[in-house]
Amino acid sequence: MSNYKVAENLAISETGFMFLPGTGETFTSNEIGKTIIRMIQNGDSNEKIIEAITKGYNVEPNSFEKDLSDFIHQLIQYNLAEEL
């Protein structure tokens, strides 16, 4: 189970364009960021996200763990996610 929850009203396109209807704010994300957000929406755990990204994108697990933490904290900072 995920330790985080993506904002319920967050709309995200296949290209990584994100929109918060309540505020009108827009954001963009790359393919990895979009995948992470989708996995959080699906309730996947951090461990499962790390496994999927490191295998699917040829990323080193040790460095990606910190990158994931930083990315999630950015999502929280911009009200795109919250910690459970």
Protein backbone atom coordinates (compact mmCIF):
# COMPACT_ATOMS: atom_id res chain seq x y z
CA MET A 1 0.00 0.00 0.00
CA SER A 2 1.19 3.50 -0.85
CA ASN A 3 2.27 5.90 1.87
CA TYR A 4 0.91 8.77 -0.23
CA LYS A 5 -2.25 9.82 -2.00
CA VAL A 6 -2.40 11.87 -5.18
CA ALA A 7 -4.87 14.77 -5.13
CA GLU A 8 -8.25 13.36 -6.11
CA ASN A 9 -9.01 16.10 -8.60
CA LEU A 10 -5.61 15.95 -10.34
CA ALA A 11 -6.03 15.40 -14.06
CA ILE A 12 -3.00 14.03 -15.88
CA SER A 13 -2.69 13.48 -19.61
CA GLU A 14 -0.69 10.83 -21.44
CA THR A 15 1.94 13.49 -22.21
CA GLY A 16 2.46 14.35 -18.53
CA PHE A 17 0.44 17.57 -18.50
CA MET A 18 -1.23 17.93 -15.09
CA PHE A 19 -4.12 20.19 -14.10
CA LEU A 20 -5.69 20.98 -10.73
CA PRO A 21 -9.23 22.15 -11.58
CA GLY A 22 -9.86 23.74 -8.18
CA THR A 23 -6.98 26.20 -8.52
CA GLY A 24 -6.38 26.25 -12.27
CA GLU A 25 -2.72 25.38 -11.72
CA THR A 26 -0.91 23.40 -14.39
CA PHE A 27 2.23 21.32 -14.17
CA THR A 28 4.22 19.05 -16.46
CA SER A 29 6.12 15.86 -15.75
CA ASN A 30 8.40 13.59 -17.68
CA GLU A 31 7.64 9.93 -18.39
CA ILE A 32 9.14 8.68 -15.12
CA GLY A 33 7.24 11.25 -13.07
CA LYS A 34 4.00 10.37 -14.83
CA THR A 35 4.61 6.68 -14.12
CA ILE A 36 5.28 7.40 -10.44
CA ILE A 37 2.09 9.44 -10.13
CA ARG A 38 0.03 6.71 -11.81
CA MET A 39 1.53 4.10 -9.49
CA ILE A 40 0.72 6.21 -6.43
CA GLN A 41 -2.84 6.60 -7.75
CA ASN A 42 -3.02 2.80 -7.99
CA GLY A 43 -1.93 2.49 -4.36
CA ASP A 44 1.45 0.93 -5.13
CA SER A 45 4.04 0.94 -2.35
CA ASN A 46 7.30 2.86 -2.57
CA GLU A 47 9.09 -0.47 -2.87
CA LYS A 48 6.99 -1.47 -5.87
CA ILE A 49 7.55 1.94 -7.48
CA ILE A 50 11.30 1.64 -6.96
CA GLU A 51 11.32 -1.85 -8.44
CA ALA A 52 9.25 -0.85 -11.49
CA ILE A 53 11.22 2.30 -12.28
CA THR A 54 14.66 0.81 -11.77
CA LYS A 55 13.82 -2.14 -14.01
CA GLY A 56 11.79 -0.25 -16.60
CA TYR A 57 14.09 2.73 -17.00
CA ASN A 58 17.52 1.24 -16.19
CA VAL A 59 17.99 3.42 -13.10
CA GLU A 60 20.21 2.54 -10.13
CA PRO A 61 18.05 1.59 -7.10
CA ASN A 62 20.29 3.36 -4.56
CA SER A 63 20.17 6.72 -6.31
CA PHE A 64 16.52 6.40 -7.32
CA GLU A 65 15.27 5.90 -3.77
CA LYS A 66 16.38 9.45 -2.86
CA ASP A 67 15.07 10.80 -6.17
CA LEU A 68 11.67 9.24 -5.45
CA SER A 69 11.59 10.79 -1.99
CA ASP A 70 12.51 14.21 -3.43
CA PHE A 71 9.87 13.91 -6.17
CA ILE A 72 7.13 12.93 -3.73
CA HIS A 73 8.02 15.84 -1.45
CA GLN A 74 7.73 18.17 -4.46
CA LEU A 75 4.29 16.72 -5.19
CA ILE A 76 3.30 17.41 -1.59
CA GLN A 77 4.74 20.95 -1.73
CA TYR A 78 2.59 21.75 -4.79
CA ASN A 79 -0.51 20.12 -3.24
CA LEU A 80 -0.49 17.34 -5.84
CA ALA A 81 -0.17 14.64 -3.19
CA GLU A 82 -0.43 14.15 0.54
CA GLU A 83 1.14 11.80 3.03
CA LEU A 84 -1.17 9.22 4.58
